[in-house]
Amino acid sequence: MKIIIDNSGSMNENGKKEALQLWLLAFEQLTKNIDTQKWDLKGLKGEFEDALLLSDGHFTEEIQVKSSVAFGADANMIKLKEISSKVFDSAEIFQVLHFMKKVDAIKQ
């Protein structure tokens, strides 16, 4: 499972950094038997059809991903919906896990 993490400046505001860290900790515990790769969003470009993006949608990189998890009350949902086939709220961790497991199963 590939996870792309948005570390742009806006992710350091309004508790989003802390929320992201806690989300990742919980997700890692739920996926401890799944091989997970993490990439930094900065500088990425192109299509990542089997990747999950963790972001508030305030970034300049031009990418496409399978799904996104929106962080923060100010999340740019319009942008996240433009670059993702599915967008989840950060509270929907179990739905994210279920969706990404289906993506991985289809890929194999």
N, C-alpha and C. Protein backbone atom coordinates (compact mmCIF):
# COMPACT_ATOMS: atom_id res chain seq x y z
N MET A 1 0.85 -1.16 0.00
CA MET A 1 0.00 0.00 0.00
C MET A 1 0.90 1.23 0.00
N LYS A 2 0.60 2.16 -0.89
CA LYS A 2 1.40 3.37 -1.00
C LYS A 2 0.65 4.55 -0.39
N ILE A 3 1.33 5.30 0.46
CA ILE A 3 0.74 6.47 1.10
C ILE A 3 1.61 7.68 0.77
N ILE A 4 0.98 8.72 0.24
CA ILE A 4 1.67 9.97 -0.05
C ILE A 4 1.25 10.98 1.01
N ILE A 5 2.24 11.59 1.66
CA ILE A 5 1.97 12.50 2.77
C ILE A 5 2.28 13.93 2.36
N ASP A 6 1.29 14.80 2.52
CA ASP A 6 1.43 16.22 2.23
C ASP A 6 2.10 16.88 3.43
N ASN A 7 3.32 17.36 3.24
CA ASN A 7 4.04 18.05 4.31
C ASN A 7 4.19 19.53 3.99
N SER A 8 3.27 20.08 3.18
CA SER A 8 3.33 21.50 2.83
C SER A 8 3.05 22.35 4.07
N GLY A 9 3.32 23.62 3.97
CA GLY A 9 3.17 24.53 5.11
C GLY A 9 1.78 24.54 5.72
N SER A 10 0.75 24.43 4.89
CA SER A 10 -0.61 24.48 5.41
C SER A 10 -0.94 23.28 6.30
N MET A 11 -0.21 22.19 6.13
CA MET A 11 -0.45 21.01 6.97
C MET A 11 0.14 21.19 8.38
N ASN A 12 0.88 22.27 8.60
CA ASN A 12 1.43 22.55 9.92
C ASN A 12 0.53 23.49 10.72
N GLU A 13 -0.64 23.84 10.18
CA GLU A 13 -1.54 24.79 10.82
C GLU A 13 -2.76 24.09 11.41
N ASN A 14 -3.32 24.72 12.45
CA ASN A 14 -4.62 24.32 13.01
C ASN A 14 -4.70 22.87 13.45
N GLY A 15 -3.61 22.33 13.95
CA GLY A 15 -3.60 20.97 14.49
C GLY A 15 -3.59 19.86 13.46
N LYS A 16 -3.43 20.21 12.17
CA LYS A 16 -3.45 19.17 11.12
C LYS A 16 -2.24 18.25 11.22
N LYS A 17 -1.09 18.80 11.59
CA LYS A 17 0.12 17.97 11.70
C LYS A 17 -0.08 16.90 12.78
N GLU A 18 -0.62 17.31 13.91
CA GLU A 18 -0.86 16.38 15.00
C GLU A 18 -1.94 15.35 14.63
N ALA A 19 -2.99 15.82 13.97
CA ALA A 19 -4.05 14.91 13.53
C ALA A 19 -3.50 13.88 12.55
N LEU A 20 -2.64 14.32 11.64
CA LEU A 20 -2.03 13.42 10.67
C LEU A 20 -1.16 12.37 11.37
N GLN A 21 -0.37 12.81 12.35
CA GLN A 21 0.49 11.87 13.07
C GLN A 21 -0.33 10.81 13.80
N LEU A 22 -1.41 11.23 14.45
CA LEU A 22 -2.26 10.27 15.15
C LEU A 22 -2.97 9.34 14.17
N TRP A 23 -3.41 9.87 13.03
CA TRP A 23 -4.08 9.06 12.01
C TRP A 23 -3.12 8.00 11.49
N LEU A 24 -1.88 8.41 11.19
CA LEU A 24 -0.89 7.45 10.70
C LEU A 24 -0.59 6.37 11.73
N LEU A 25 -0.49 6.76 12.99
CA LEU A 25 -0.24 5.79 14.05
C LEU A 25 -1.36 4.74 14.11
N ALA A 26 -2.59 5.19 14.08
CA ALA A 26 -3.73 4.27 14.10
C ALA A 26 -3.76 3.40 12.85
N PHE A 27 -3.51 3.99 11.69
CA PHE A 27 -3.55 3.25 10.43
C PHE A 27 -2.45 2.19 10.39
N GLU A 28 -1.26 2.55 10.90
CA GLU A 28 -0.15 1.58 10.94
C GLU A 28 -0.49 0.40 11.84
N GLN A 29 -1.19 0.65 12.94
CA GLN A 29 -1.59 -0.44 13.82
C GLN A 29 -2.61 -1.35 13.13
N LEU A 30 -3.50 -0.76 12.35
CA LEU A 30 -4.51 -1.55 11.64
C LEU A 30 -3.93 -2.33 10.47
N THR A 31 -2.80 -1.86 9.94
CA THR A 31 -2.20 -2.48 8.75
C THR A 31 -0.84 -3.09 9.05
N LYS A 32 -0.62 -3.52 10.28
CA LYS A 32 0.72 -4.00 10.64
C LYS A 32 1.17 -5.20 9.83
N ASN A 33 0.25 -5.94 9.23
CA ASN A 33 0.63 -7.10 8.40
C ASN A 33 0.63 -6.77 6.91
N ILE A 34 0.52 -5.50 6.58
CA ILE A 34 0.49 -5.06 5.18
C ILE A 34 1.74 -4.23 4.90
N ASP A 35 2.40 -4.53 3.80
CA ASP A 35 3.57 -3.75 3.39
C ASP A 35 3.11 -2.35 2.98
N THR A 36 3.60 -1.34 3.69
CA THR A 36 3.20 0.04 3.43
C THR A 36 4.42 0.87 3.09
N GLN A 37 4.33 1.62 2.01
CA GLN A 37 5.39 2.55 1.61
C GLN A 37 4.88 3.96 1.77
N LYS A 38 5.71 4.85 2.34
CA LYS A 38 5.31 6.25 2.52
C LYS A 38 6.21 7.14 1.67
N TRP A 39 5.59 8.07 0.97
CA TRP A 39 6.32 9.04 0.16
C TRP A 39 5.91 10.45 0.56
N ASP A 40 6.84 11.38 0.43
CA ASP A 40 6.54 12.79 0.65
C ASP A 40 5.98 13.37 -0.65
N LEU A 41 4.92 14.16 -0.54
CA LEU A 41 4.27 14.75 -1.71
C LEU A 41 5.19 15.72 -2.45
N LYS A 42 6.04 16.41 -1.71
CA LYS A 42 6.86 17.47 -2.31
C LYS A 42 7.65 16.96 -3.52
N GLY A 43 7.43 17.61 -4.65
CA GLY A 43 8.17 17.28 -5.86
C GLY A 43 7.58 16.16 -6.69
N LEU A 44 6.56 15.47 -6.18
CA LEU A 44 5.95 14.38 -6.97
C LEU A 44 5.12 14.96 -8.11
N LYS A 45 5.06 14.22 -9.18
CA LYS A 45 4.27 14.63 -10.34
C LYS A 45 3.81 13.38 -11.06
N GLY A 46 2.58 13.40 -11.56
CA GLY A 46 2.11 12.28 -12.35
C GLY A 46 0.95 11.55 -11.71
N GLU A 47 0.75 10.31 -12.16
CA GLU A 47 -0.39 9.50 -11.73
C GLU A 47 0.07 8.37 -10.82
N PHE A 48 -0.59 8.26 -9.69
CA PHE A 48 -0.30 7.22 -8.70
C PHE A 48 -1.62 6.51 -8.42
N GLU A 49 -2.01 5.61 -9.34
CA GLU A 49 -3.36 5.05 -9.31
C GLU A 49 -3.64 4.12 -8.14
N ASP A 50 -2.61 3.66 -7.45
CA ASP A 50 -2.85 2.79 -6.30
C ASP A 50 -2.40 3.44 -4.99
N ALA A 51 -2.28 4.78 -4.98
CA ALA A 51 -1.78 5.48 -3.80
C ALA A 51 -2.89 6.21 -3.07
N LEU A 52 -2.66 6.38 -1.78
CA LEU A 52 -3.55 7.12 -0.89
C LEU A 52 -2.84 8.41 -0.51
N LEU A 53 -3.48 9.55 -0.72
CA LEU A 53 -2.92 10.86 -0.39
C LEU A 53 -3.52 11.35 0.91
N LEU A 54 -2.68 11.76 1.85
CA LEU A 54 -3.12 12.37 3.11
C LEU A 54 -2.82 13.86 3.01
N SER A 55 -3.87 14.70 2.95
CA SER A 55 -3.65 16.11 2.64
C SER A 55 -4.83 16.98 3.03
N ASP A 56 -4.57 18.30 3.07
CA ASP A 56 -5.65 19.27 3.22
C ASP A 56 -6.03 19.88 1.87
N GLY A 57 -5.35 19.43 0.81
CA GLY A 57 -5.67 19.90 -0.53
C GLY A 57 -5.05 21.23 -0.91
N HIS A 58 -4.20 21.78 -0.06
CA HIS A 58 -3.56 23.06 -0.34
C HIS A 58 -2.10 22.82 -0.72
N PHE A 59 -1.88 22.39 -1.95
CA PHE A 59 -0.53 22.12 -2.45
C PHE A 59 -0.50 22.45 -3.93
N THR A 60 0.71 22.52 -4.50
CA THR A 60 0.85 22.92 -5.90
C THR A 60 1.25 21.77 -6.82
N GLU A 61 1.63 20.63 -6.28
CA GLU A 61 2.04 19.50 -7.10
C GLU A 61 0.89 19.03 -7.99
N GLU A 62 1.23 18.59 -9.20
CA GLU A 62 0.23 18.10 -10.14
C GLU A 62 0.26 16.57 -10.15
N ILE A 63 -0.65 15.99 -9.38
CA ILE A 63 -0.70 14.53 -9.27
C ILE A 63 -2.14 14.04 -9.40
N GLN A 64 -2.28 12.74 -9.63
CA GLN A 64 -3.55 12.03 -9.60
C GLN A 64 -3.35 10.82 -8.71
N VAL A 65 -4.30 10.57 -7.82
CA VAL A 65 -4.21 9.42 -6.92
C VAL A 65 -5.54 8.66 -6.91
N LYS A 66 -5.51 7.45 -6.41
CA LYS A 66 -6.73 6.64 -6.31
C LYS A 66 -7.68 7.25 -5.29
N SER A 67 -7.14 7.60 -4.12
CA SER A 67 -8.00 8.15 -3.08
C SER A 67 -7.22 9.11 -2.20
N SER A 68 -7.98 9.97 -1.52
CA SER A 68 -7.40 10.97 -0.62
C SER A 68 -8.11 10.93 0.71
N VAL A 69 -7.39 11.34 1.75
CA VAL A 69 -7.98 11.56 3.06
C VAL A 69 -7.82 13.04 3.36
N ALA A 70 -8.94 13.72 3.60
CA ALA A 70 -8.95 15.16 3.84
C ALA A 70 -8.70 15.47 5.31
N PHE A 71 -7.77 16.38 5.56
CA PHE A 71 -7.45 16.81 6.92
C PHE A 71 -7.77 18.29 7.07
N GLY A 72 -8.43 18.64 8.16
CA GLY A 72 -8.67 20.03 8.51
C GLY A 72 -10.02 20.55 8.05
N ALA A 73 -10.55 21.48 8.85
CA ALA A 73 -11.82 22.12 8.52
C ALA A 73 -11.72 22.95 7.25
N ASP A 74 -10.50 23.38 6.92
CA ASP A 74 -10.28 24.20 5.72
C ASP A 74 -9.82 23.38 4.52
N ALA A 75 -10.01 22.07 4.58
CA ALA A 75 -9.56 21.20 3.48
C ALA A 75 -10.20 21.64 2.16
N ASN A 76 -9.38 21.67 1.11
CA ASN A 76 -9.84 22.04 -0.23
C ASN A 76 -10.44 20.79 -0.88
N MET A 77 -11.70 20.53 -0.58
CA MET A 77 -12.36 19.33 -1.07
C MET A 77 -12.50 19.34 -2.59
N ILE A 78 -12.66 20.51 -3.17
CA ILE A 78 -12.78 20.60 -4.63
C ILE A 78 -11.52 20.07 -5.29
N LYS A 79 -10.36 20.50 -4.79
CA LYS A 79 -9.10 20.03 -5.37
C LYS A 79 -8.91 18.53 -5.14
N LEU A 80 -9.19 18.08 -3.93
CA LEU A 80 -9.01 16.66 -3.62
C LEU A 80 -9.92 15.79 -4.50
N LYS A 81 -11.13 16.26 -4.76
CA LYS A 81 -12.05 15.50 -5.63
C LYS A 81 -11.59 15.52 -7.08
N GLU A 82 -10.89 16.59 -7.49
CA GLU A 82 -10.38 16.66 -8.86
C GLU A 82 -9.25 15.68 -9.10
N ILE A 83 -8.45 15.41 -8.08
CA ILE A 83 -7.26 14.57 -8.27
C ILE A 83 -7.44 13.14 -7.77
N SER A 84 -8.60 12.84 -7.17
CA SER A 84 -8.84 11.52 -6.57
C SER A 84 -10.15 10.94 -7.08
N SER A 85 -10.20 9.62 -7.19
CA SER A 85 -11.47 9.01 -7.53
C SER A 85 -12.38 8.88 -6.30
N LYS A 86 -11.79 8.95 -5.11
CA LYS A 86 -12.55 8.84 -3.86
C LYS A 86 -11.87 9.69 -2.81
N VAL A 87 -12.67 10.48 -2.06
CA VAL A 87 -12.14 11.32 -0.98
C VAL A 87 -12.83 10.94 0.32
N PHE A 88 -12.03 10.69 1.34
CA PHE A 88 -12.54 10.34 2.66
C PHE A 88 -12.24 11.46 3.64
N ASP A 89 -13.07 11.59 4.66
CA ASP A 89 -12.77 12.45 5.79
C ASP A 89 -11.79 11.68 6.68
N SER A 90 -10.98 12.40 7.43
CA SER A 90 -9.97 11.72 8.26
C SER A 90 -10.60 10.83 9.33
N ALA A 91 -11.86 11.06 9.67
CA ALA A 91 -12.53 10.22 10.67
C ALA A 91 -12.92 8.85 10.11
N GLU A 92 -12.87 8.68 8.80
CA GLU A 92 -13.32 7.44 8.16
C GLU A 92 -12.19 6.43 7.96
N ILE A 93 -11.40 6.20 8.99
CA ILE A 93 -10.20 5.38 8.87
C ILE A 93 -10.53 3.93 8.46
N PHE A 94 -11.60 3.37 8.97
CA PHE A 94 -11.94 1.99 8.61
C PHE A 94 -12.42 1.88 7.17
N GLN A 95 -13.14 2.89 6.70
CA GLN A 95 -13.57 2.91 5.31
C GLN A 95 -12.37 3.04 4.38
N VAL A 96 -11.39 3.86 4.77
CA VAL A 96 -10.16 4.02 3.99
C VAL A 96 -9.45 2.67 3.88
N LEU A 97 -9.29 2.00 5.00
CA LEU A 97 -8.61 0.70 5.01
C LEU A 97 -9.33 -0.30 4.12
N HIS A 98 -10.64 -0.38 4.23
CA HIS A 98 -11.43 -1.30 3.41
C HIS A 98 -11.26 -0.98 1.92
N PHE A 99 -11.35 0.29 1.56
CA PHE A 99 -11.22 0.71 0.16
C PHE A 99 -9.83 0.38 -0.39
N MET A 100 -8.79 0.69 0.37
CA MET A 100 -7.43 0.45 -0.11
C MET A 100 -7.12 -1.04 -0.20
N LYS A 101 -7.69 -1.85 0.67
CA LYS A 101 -7.51 -3.31 0.56
C LYS A 101 -8.14 -3.81 -0.73
N LYS A 102 -9.30 -3.26 -1.10
CA LYS A 102 -9.94 -3.64 -2.37
C LYS A 102 -9.08 -3.21 -3.55
N VAL A 103 -8.49 -2.03 -3.48
CA VAL A 103 -7.61 -1.54 -4.55
C VAL A 103 -6.43 -2.47 -4.71
N ASP A 104 -5.81 -2.86 -3.59
CA ASP A 104 -4.67 -3.77 -3.64
C ASP A 104 -5.06 -5.14 -4.20
N ALA A 105 -6.24 -5.64 -3.83
CA ALA A 105 -6.70 -6.94 -4.31
C ALA A 105 -6.93 -6.92 -5.82
N ILE A 106 -7.49 -5.84 -6.33
CA ILE A 106 -7.72 -5.70 -7.77
C ILE A 106 -6.40 -5.63 -8.52
N LYS A 107 -5.43 -4.95 -7.94
CA LYS A 107 -4.12 -4.77 -8.56
C LYS A 107 -3.39 -6.11 -8.71
N GLN A 108 -3.60 -7.03 -7.77
CA GLN A 108 -2.87 -8.30 -7.78
C GLN A 108 -3.53 -9.27 -8.65
